[in-house]
Structures are given as structure tokens and as C-alpha cells.
Amino acid sequence: MFAQTITIDRLGQVALPKRLLDALGLHPESEVVVELIESGIVIKPKPAITPITDRIAALDLPVAGWEQMEREIEAGRRT
């Protein structure tokens, strides 16, 4: 667990300690999700979104390739 007191600057911003950023695998320009909860706030790394093509490929559909899938889709539209 990591705890440290951080001062909010005049612009209302906080700088997260390098040790914390390193522990979360964050770097400048990283996106984070800030969530307001009853007891305070939670800051966590924004999850990476897998491209839809990668998610479809991971389904291991019974087609040899995109060309075959296209042909099967087109054939289904004609019937």
C-alpha cells in the first residue's frame, strides 16, 4: 500500500509521485479514470480497448480468413 500527502496547486491540480506512477505503469500523457466515491476519489489507469477486429479474431470463428467471411456474409444477404 502506498500513501502520501500531496498538495493541490492553485489550478486545482495534483502531481502524482513518480513512485506511484511507476507502480501503476503510467507515464506522461497516460489516460486515467477518476471516480468519485463516498469516501473520496479513486484514480486508476484507463483500460486499453481492444480493437473490434482483434476481438472478432479471438472468437476463433470457423472461417479461413476475412475474404471467406465476406463471401459468406454476402451469400447470406442474397438468400
PDB file of N, CA and C in Angstrom:
ATOM      1  N   MET A   1       0.850  -1.181   0.000  1.00  0.00           N
ATOM      2  CA  MET A   1       0.000   0.000   0.000  1.00  0.00           C
ATOM      3  C   MET A   1       0.886   1.231   0.000  1.00  0.00           C
ATOM      4  N   PHE A   2       0.429   2.256  -0.639  1.00  0.00           N
ATOM      5  CA  PHE A   2       1.192   3.489  -0.771  1.00  0.00           C
ATOM      6  C   PHE A   2       0.322   4.656  -0.322  1.00  0.00           C
ATOM      7  N   ALA A   3       0.807   5.490   0.551  1.00  0.00           N
ATOM      8  CA  ALA A   3       0.069   6.677   0.992  1.00  0.00           C
ATOM      9  C   ALA A   3       1.053   7.823   1.134  1.00  0.00           C
ATOM     10  N   GLN A   4       0.634   8.988   0.662  1.00  0.00           N
ATOM     11  CA  GLN A   4       1.464  10.176   0.752  1.00  0.00           C
ATOM     12  C   GLN A   4       0.550  11.389   0.679  1.00  0.00           C
ATOM     13  N   THR A   5       0.874  12.422   1.408  1.00  0.00           N
ATOM     14  CA  THR A   5       0.116  13.667   1.341  1.00  0.00           C
ATOM     15  C   THR A   5       0.620  14.487   0.158  1.00  0.00           C
ATOM     16  N   ILE A   6      -0.317  14.960  -0.663  1.00  0.00           N
ATOM     17  CA  ILE A   6       0.016  15.743  -1.854  1.00  0.00           C
ATOM     18  C   ILE A   6      -0.742  17.060  -1.763  1.00  0.00           C
ATOM     19  N   THR A   7      -0.105  18.155  -2.134  1.00  0.00           N
ATOM     20  CA  THR A   7      -0.734  19.471  -2.100  1.00  0.00           C
ATOM     21  C   THR A   7      -1.403  19.775  -3.441  1.00  0.00           C
ATOM     22  N   ILE A   8      -2.616  20.295  -3.388  1.00  0.00           N
ATOM     23  CA  ILE A   8      -3.321  20.728  -4.590  1.00  0.00           C
ATOM     24  C   ILE A   8      -2.799  22.119  -4.945  1.00  0.00           C
ATOM     25  N   ASP A   9      -2.407  22.319  -6.223  1.00  0.00           N
ATOM     26  CA  ASP A   9      -1.860  23.624  -6.608  1.00  0.00           C
ATOM     27  C   ASP A   9      -2.970  24.649  -6.844  1.00  0.00           C
ATOM     28  N   ARG A  10      -2.590  25.872  -7.190  1.00  0.00           N
ATOM     29  CA  ARG A  10      -3.564  26.949  -7.368  1.00  0.00           C
ATOM     30  C   ARG A  10      -4.535  26.702  -8.508  1.00  0.00           C
ATOM     31  N   LEU A  11      -4.183  25.829  -9.444  1.00  0.00           N
ATOM     32  CA  LEU A  11      -5.072  25.495 -10.558  1.00  0.00           C
ATOM     33  C   LEU A  11      -5.994  24.321 -10.232  1.00  0.00           C
ATOM     34  N   GLY A  12      -5.878  23.803  -8.992  1.00  0.00           N
ATOM     35  CA  GLY A  12      -6.707  22.670  -8.598  1.00  0.00           C
ATOM     36  C   GLY A  12      -6.156  21.340  -9.082  1.00  0.00           C
ATOM     37  N   GLN A  13      -4.881  21.302  -9.406  1.00  0.00           N
ATOM     38  CA  GLN A  13      -4.267  20.089  -9.933  1.00  0.00           C
ATOM     39  C   GLN A  13      -3.380  19.438  -8.877  1.00  0.00           C
ATOM     40  N   VAL A  14      -3.198  18.131  -9.027  1.00  0.00           N
ATOM     41  CA  VAL A  14      -2.265  17.410  -8.167  1.00  0.00           C
ATOM     42  C   VAL A  14      -1.250  16.705  -9.051  1.00  0.00           C
ATOM     43  N   ALA A  15      -0.024  16.615  -8.561  1.00  0.00           N
ATOM     44  CA  ALA A  15       1.015  15.869  -9.260  1.00  0.00           C
ATOM     45  C   ALA A  15       1.199  14.562  -8.507  1.00  0.00           C
ATOM     46  N   LEU A  16       1.025  13.463  -9.204  1.00  0.00           N
ATOM     47  CA  LEU A  16       1.184  12.154  -8.574  1.00  0.00           C
ATOM     48  C   LEU A  16       2.667  11.813  -8.471  1.00  0.00           C
ATOM     49  N   PRO A  17       3.097  11.271  -7.346  1.00  0.00           N
ATOM     50  CA  PRO A  17       4.511  10.920  -7.159  1.00  0.00           C
ATOM     51  C   PRO A  17       4.982   9.894  -8.191  1.00  0.00           C
ATOM     52  N   LYS A  18       6.225  10.032  -8.619  1.00  0.00           N
ATOM     53  CA  LYS A  18       6.805   9.123  -9.613  1.00  0.00           C
ATOM     54  C   LYS A  18       6.699   7.672  -9.161  1.00  0.00           C
ATOM     55  N   ARG A  19       6.914   7.432  -7.897  1.00  0.00           N
ATOM     56  CA  ARG A  19       6.836   6.059  -7.376  1.00  0.00           C
ATOM     57  C   ARG A  19       5.454   5.446  -7.639  1.00  0.00           C
ATOM     58  N   LEU A  20       4.423   6.252  -7.458  1.00  0.00           N
ATOM     59  CA  LEU A  20       3.058   5.784  -7.699  1.00  0.00           C
ATOM     60  C   LEU A  20       2.820   5.561  -9.190  1.00  0.00           C
ATOM     61  N   LEU A  21       3.256   6.506 -10.014  1.00  0.00           N
ATOM     62  CA  LEU A  21       3.100   6.364 -11.466  1.00  0.00           C
ATOM     63  C   LEU A  21       3.803   5.114 -11.966  1.00  0.00           C
ATOM     64  N   ASP A  22       5.028   4.900 -11.482  1.00  0.00           N
ATOM     65  CA  ASP A  22       5.784   3.715 -11.891  1.00  0.00           C
ATOM     66  C   ASP A  22       5.073   2.436 -11.476  1.00  0.00           C
ATOM     67  N   ALA A  23       4.532   2.417 -10.263  1.00  0.00           N
ATOM     68  CA  ALA A  23       3.848   1.222  -9.766  1.00  0.00           C
ATOM     69  C   ALA A  23       2.627   0.877 -10.611  1.00  0.00           C
ATOM     70  N   LEU A  24       1.973   1.911 -11.171  1.00  0.00           N
ATOM     71  CA  LEU A  24       0.780   1.695 -11.999  1.00  0.00           C
ATOM     72  C   LEU A  24       1.103   1.577 -13.483  1.00  0.00           C
ATOM     73  N   GLY A  25       2.377   1.748 -13.840  1.00  0.00           N
ATOM     74  CA  GLY A  25       2.767   1.674 -15.251  1.00  0.00           C
ATOM     75  C   GLY A  25       2.292   2.886 -16.039  1.00  0.00           C
ATOM     76  N   LEU A  26       2.143   4.034 -15.366  1.00  0.00           N
ATOM     77  CA  LEU A  26       1.686   5.251 -16.036  1.00  0.00           C
ATOM     78  C   LEU A  26       2.875   6.122 -16.421  1.00  0.00           C
ATOM     79  N   HIS A  27       2.675   6.951 -17.428  1.00  0.00           N
ATOM     80  CA  HIS A  27       3.705   7.866 -17.899  1.00  0.00           C
ATOM     81  C   HIS A  27       3.015   9.143 -18.350  1.00  0.00           C
ATOM     82  N   PRO A  28       3.764  10.213 -18.622  1.00  0.00           N
ATOM     83  CA  PRO A  28       3.120  11.439 -19.106  1.00  0.00           C
ATOM     84  C   PRO A  28       2.230  11.143 -20.312  1.00  0.00           C
ATOM     85  N   GLU A  29       1.073  11.731 -20.337  1.00  0.00           N
ATOM     86  CA  GLU A  29       0.062  11.559 -21.388  1.00  0.00           C
ATOM     87  C   GLU A  29      -0.785  10.289 -21.215  1.00  0.00           C
ATOM     88  N   SER A  30      -0.538   9.489 -20.168  1.00  0.00           N
ATOM     89  CA  SER A  30      -1.397   8.332 -19.904  1.00  0.00           C
ATOM     90  C   SER A  30      -2.794   8.824 -19.558  1.00  0.00           C
ATOM     91  N   GLU A  31      -3.798   8.048 -19.919  1.00  0.00           N
ATOM     92  CA  GLU A  31      -5.167   8.378 -19.537  1.00  0.00           C
ATOM     93  C   GLU A  31      -5.530   7.588 -18.293  1.00  0.00           C
ATOM     94  N   VAL A  32      -6.215   8.259 -17.372  1.00  0.00           N
ATOM     95  CA  VAL A  32      -6.677   7.606 -16.160  1.00  0.00           C
ATOM     96  C   VAL A  32      -8.171   7.859 -15.994  1.00  0.00           C
ATOM     97  N   VAL A  33      -8.814   7.013 -15.215  1.00  0.00           N
ATOM     98  CA  VAL A  33     -10.218   7.184 -14.862  1.00  0.00           C
ATOM     99  C   VAL A  33     -10.242   7.712 -13.433  1.00  0.00           C
ATOM    100  N   VAL A  34     -10.970   8.806 -13.219  1.00  0.00           N
ATOM    101  CA  VAL A  34     -11.121   9.379 -11.890  1.00  0.00           C
ATOM    102  C   VAL A  34     -12.568   9.160 -11.476  1.00  0.00           C
ATOM    103  N   GLU A  35     -12.750   8.476 -10.362  1.00  0.00           N
ATOM    104  CA  GLU A  35     -14.089   8.108  -9.908  1.00  0.00           C
ATOM    105  C   GLU A  35     -14.342   8.700  -8.526  1.00  0.00           C
ATOM    106  N   LEU A  36     -15.468   9.375  -8.381  1.00  0.00           N
ATOM    107  CA  LEU A  36     -15.857   9.929  -7.090  1.00  0.00           C
ATOM    108  C   LEU A  36     -16.642   8.868  -6.329  1.00  0.00           C
ATOM    109  N   ILE A  37     -16.147   8.522  -5.141  1.00  0.00           N
ATOM    110  CA  ILE A  37     -16.850   7.561  -4.288  1.00  0.00           C
ATOM    111  C   ILE A  37     -17.172   8.257  -2.967  1.00  0.00           C
ATOM    112  N   GLU A  38     -17.959   7.599  -2.145  1.00  0.00           N
ATOM    113  CA  GLU A  38     -18.413   8.221  -0.906  1.00  0.00           C
ATOM    114  C   GLU A  38     -17.266   8.720  -0.028  1.00  0.00           C
ATOM    115  N   SER A  39     -16.198   7.951   0.053  1.00  0.00           N
ATOM    116  CA  SER A  39     -15.093   8.305   0.948  1.00  0.00           C
ATOM    117  C   SER A  39     -13.990   9.125   0.292  1.00  0.00           C
ATOM    118  N   GLY A  40     -14.108   9.451  -0.989  1.00  0.00           N
ATOM    119  CA  GLY A  40     -13.067  10.224  -1.654  1.00  0.00           C
ATOM    120  C   GLY A  40     -13.064   9.986  -3.147  1.00  0.00           C
ATOM    121  N   ILE A  41     -11.869   9.908  -3.732  1.00  0.00           N
ATOM    122  CA  ILE A  41     -11.751   9.641  -5.163  1.00  0.00           C
ATOM    123  C   ILE A  41     -10.841   8.436  -5.391  1.00  0.00           C
ATOM    124  N   VAL A  42     -11.055   7.797  -6.518  1.00  0.00           N
ATOM    125  CA  VAL A  42     -10.218   6.682  -6.948  1.00  0.00           C
ATOM    126  C   VAL A  42      -9.647   7.069  -8.304  1.00  0.00           C
ATOM    127  N   ILE A  43      -8.347   6.937  -8.452  1.00  0.00           N
ATOM    128  CA  ILE A  43      -7.681   7.193  -9.731  1.00  0.00           C
ATOM    129  C   ILE A  43      -7.088   5.869 -10.186  1.00  0.00           C
ATOM    130  N   LYS A  44      -7.478   5.438 -11.391  1.00  0.00           N
ATOM    131  CA  LYS A  44      -6.945   4.164 -11.889  1.00  0.00           C
ATOM    132  C   LYS A  44      -6.648   4.275 -13.377  1.00  0.00           C
ATOM    133  N   PRO A  45      -5.714   3.462 -13.863  1.00  0.00           N
ATOM    134  CA  PRO A  45      -5.385   3.506 -15.292  1.00  0.00           C
ATOM    135  C   PRO A  45      -6.622   3.201 -16.132  1.00  0.00           C
ATOM    136  N   LYS A  46      -6.767   3.903 -17.245  1.00  0.00           N
ATOM    137  CA  LYS A  46      -7.861   3.626 -18.165  1.00  0.00           C
ATOM    138  C   LYS A  46      -7.538   2.326 -18.883  1.00  0.00           C
ATOM    139  N   PRO A  47      -8.470   1.374 -18.863  1.00  0.00           N
ATOM    140  CA  PRO A  47      -8.187   0.098 -19.529  1.00  0.00           C
ATOM    141  C   PRO A  47      -8.049   0.278 -21.046  1.00  0.00           C
ATOM    142  N   ALA A  48      -7.133  -0.456 -21.607  1.00  0.00           N
ATOM    143  CA  ALA A  48      -6.951  -0.425 -23.061  1.00  0.00           C
ATOM    144  C   ALA A  48      -8.152  -1.078 -23.725  1.00  0.00           C
ATOM    145  N   ILE A  49      -8.603  -0.494 -24.814  1.00  0.00           N
ATOM    146  CA  ILE A  49      -9.728  -1.058 -25.560  1.00  0.00           C
ATOM    147  C   ILE A  49      -9.165  -1.861 -26.719  1.00  0.00           C
ATOM    148  N   THR A  50      -9.524  -3.109 -26.760  1.00  0.00           N
ATOM    149  CA  THR A  50      -9.070  -3.980 -27.836  1.00  0.00           C
ATOM    150  C   THR A  50      -9.855  -3.652 -29.105  1.00  0.00           C
ATOM    151  N   PRO A  51      -9.170  -3.428 -30.224  1.00  0.00           N
ATOM    152  CA  PRO A  51      -9.898  -3.161 -31.474  1.00  0.00           C
ATOM    153  C   PRO A  51     -10.893  -4.279 -31.775  1.00  0.00           C
ATOM    154  N   ILE A  52     -12.023  -3.918 -32.347  1.00  0.00           N
ATOM    155  CA  ILE A  52     -13.087  -4.883 -32.629  1.00  0.00           C
ATOM    156  C   ILE A  52     -12.582  -6.025 -33.518  1.00  0.00           C
ATOM    157  N   THR A  53     -11.678  -5.725 -34.444  1.00  0.00           N
ATOM    158  CA  THR A  53     -11.166  -6.783 -35.318  1.00  0.00           C
ATOM    159  C   THR A  53     -10.381  -7.828 -34.511  1.00  0.00           C
ATOM    160  N   ASP A  54      -9.636  -7.380 -33.510  1.00  0.00           N
ATOM    161  CA  ASP A  54      -8.901  -8.328 -32.663  1.00  0.00           C
ATOM    162  C   ASP A  54      -9.868  -9.176 -31.841  1.00  0.00           C
ATOM    163  N   ARG A  55     -10.948  -8.552 -31.355  1.00  0.00           N
ATOM    164  CA  ARG A  55     -11.922  -9.311 -30.558  1.00  0.00           C
ATOM    165  C   ARG A  55     -12.644 -10.343 -31.421  1.00  0.00           C
ATOM    166  N   ILE A  56     -12.961  -9.972 -32.667  1.00  0.00           N
ATOM    167  CA  ILE A  56     -13.613 -10.932 -33.572  1.00  0.00           C
ATOM    168  C   ILE A  56     -12.651 -12.071 -33.892  1.00  0.00           C
ATOM    169  N   ALA A  57     -11.393 -11.740 -34.163  1.00  0.00           N
ATOM    170  CA  ALA A  57     -10.395 -12.769 -34.475  1.00  0.00           C
ATOM    171  C   ALA A  57     -10.227 -13.730 -33.304  1.00  0.00           C
ATOM    172  N   ALA A  58     -10.325 -13.217 -32.082  1.00  0.00           N
ATOM    173  CA  ALA A  58     -10.159 -14.056 -30.887  1.00  0.00           C
ATOM    174  C   ALA A  58     -11.323 -15.025 -30.702  1.00  0.00           C
ATOM    175  N   LEU A  59     -12.433 -14.797 -31.389  1.00  0.00           N
ATOM    176  CA  LEU A  59     -13.588 -15.699 -31.276  1.00  0.00           C
ATOM    177  C   LEU A  59     -13.337 -17.035 -31.962  1.00  0.00           C
ATOM    178  N   ASP A  60     -12.283 -17.099 -32.766  1.00  0.00           N
ATOM    179  CA  ASP A  60     -11.930 -18.326 -33.482  1.00  0.00           C
ATOM    180  C   ASP A  60     -13.117 -18.842 -34.297  1.00  0.00           C
ATOM    181  N   LEU A  61     -13.670 -17.968 -35.120  1.00  0.00           N
ATOM    182  CA  LEU A  61     -14.811 -18.331 -35.955  1.00  0.00           C
ATOM    183  C   LEU A  61     -14.393 -19.346 -37.013  1.00  0.00           C
ATOM    184  N   PRO A  62     -15.334 -20.176 -37.451  1.00  0.00           N
ATOM    185  CA  PRO A  62     -14.993 -21.233 -38.420  1.00  0.00           C
ATOM    186  C   PRO A  62     -14.868 -20.715 -39.853  1.00  0.00           C
ATOM    187  N   VAL A  63     -13.972 -19.763 -40.066  1.00  0.00           N
ATOM    188  CA  VAL A  63     -13.685 -19.270 -41.410  1.00  0.00           C
ATOM    189  C   VAL A  63     -12.174 -19.207 -41.567  1.00  0.00           C
ATOM    190  N   ALA A  64     -11.718 -19.384 -42.784  1.00  0.00           N
ATOM    191  CA  ALA A  64     -10.282 -19.399 -43.030  1.00  0.00           C
ATOM    192  C   ALA A  64      -9.680 -18.001 -43.060  1.00  0.00           C
ATOM    193  N   GLY A  65     -10.476 -17.020 -43.393  1.00  0.00           N
ATOM    194  CA  GLY A  65      -9.939 -15.664 -43.479  1.00  0.00           C
ATOM    195  C   GLY A  65     -11.043 -14.663 -43.707  1.00  0.00           C
ATOM    196  N   TRP A  66     -10.660 -13.404 -43.767  1.00  0.00           N
ATOM    197  CA  TRP A  66     -11.629 -12.330 -43.935  1.00  0.00           C
ATOM    198  C   TRP A  66     -12.347 -12.435 -45.277  1.00  0.00           C
ATOM    199  N   GLU A  67     -11.633 -12.886 -46.308  1.00  0.00           N
ATOM    200  CA  GLU A  67     -12.263 -12.993 -47.626  1.00  0.00           C
ATOM    201  C   GLU A  67     -13.400 -14.017 -47.585  1.00  0.00           C
ATOM    202  N   GLN A  68     -13.160 -15.159 -46.938  1.00  0.00           N
ATOM    203  CA  GLN A  68     -14.191 -16.176 -46.828  1.00  0.00           C
ATOM    204  C   GLN A  68     -15.368 -15.644 -46.004  1.00  0.00           C
ATOM    205  N   MET A  69     -15.067 -14.929 -44.942  1.00  0.00           N
ATOM    206  CA  MET A  69     -16.138 -14.368 -44.113  1.00  0.00           C
ATOM    207  C   MET A  69     -16.975 -13.393 -44.932  1.00  0.00           C
ATOM    208  N   GLU A  70     -16.310 -12.573 -45.736  1.00  0.00           N
ATOM    209  CA  GLU A  70     -17.025 -11.628 -46.586  1.00  0.00           C
ATOM    210  C   GLU A  70     -17.947 -12.352 -47.562  1.00  0.00           C
ATOM    211  N   ARG A  71     -17.431 -13.423 -48.183  1.00  0.00           N
ATOM    212  CA  ARG A  71     -18.238 -14.195 -49.133  1.00  0.00           C
ATOM    213  C   ARG A  71     -19.446 -14.803 -48.441  1.00  0.00           C
ATOM    214  N   GLU A  72     -19.258 -15.333 -47.241  1.00  0.00           N
ATOM    215  CA  GLU A  72     -20.370 -15.949 -46.528  1.00  0.00           C
ATOM    216  C   GLU A  72     -21.419 -14.913 -46.108  1.00  0.00           C
ATOM    217  N   ILE A  73     -20.963 -13.734 -45.741  1.00  0.00           N
ATOM    218  CA  ILE A  73     -21.898 -12.664 -45.386  1.00  0.00           C
ATOM    219  C   ILE A  73     -22.690 -12.249 -46.611  1.00  0.00           C
ATOM    220  N   GLU A  74     -22.002 -12.038 -47.731  1.00  0.00           N
ATOM    221  CA  GLU A  74     -22.670 -11.644 -48.973  1.00  0.00           C
ATOM    222  C   GLU A  74     -23.664 -12.731 -49.424  1.00  0.00           C
ATOM    223  N   ALA A  75     -23.278 -13.986 -49.319  1.00  0.00           N
ATOM    224  CA  ALA A  75     -24.166 -15.084 -49.708  1.00  0.00           C
ATOM    225  C   ALA A  75     -25.414 -15.091 -48.820  1.00  0.00           C
ATOM    226  N   GLY A  76     -25.260 -14.806 -47.563  1.00  0.00           N
ATOM    227  CA  GLY A  76     -26.393 -14.778 -46.649  1.00  0.00           C
ATOM    228  C   GLY A  76     -27.335 -13.631 -46.946  1.00  0.00           C
ATOM    229  N   ARG A  77     -26.832 -12.549 -47.448  1.00  0.00           N
ATOM    230  CA  ARG A  77     -27.689 -11.395 -47.748  1.00  0.00           C
ATOM    231  C   ARG A  77     -28.543 -11.643 -48.976  1.00  0.00           C
ATOM    232  N   ARG A  78     -28.089 -12.489 -49.875  1.00  0.00           N
ATOM    233  CA  ARG A  78     -28.822 -12.733 -51.118  1.00  0.00           C
ATOM    234  C   ARG A  78     -29.953 -13.735 -50.927  1.00  0.00           C
ATOM    235  N   THR A  79     -29.876 -14.552 -49.900  1.00  0.00           N
ATOM    236  CA  THR A  79     -30.901 -15.593 -49.740  1.00  0.00           C
ATOM    237  C   THR A  79     -32.052 -15.104 -48.911  1.00  0.00           C
TER     238      THR A  79
END
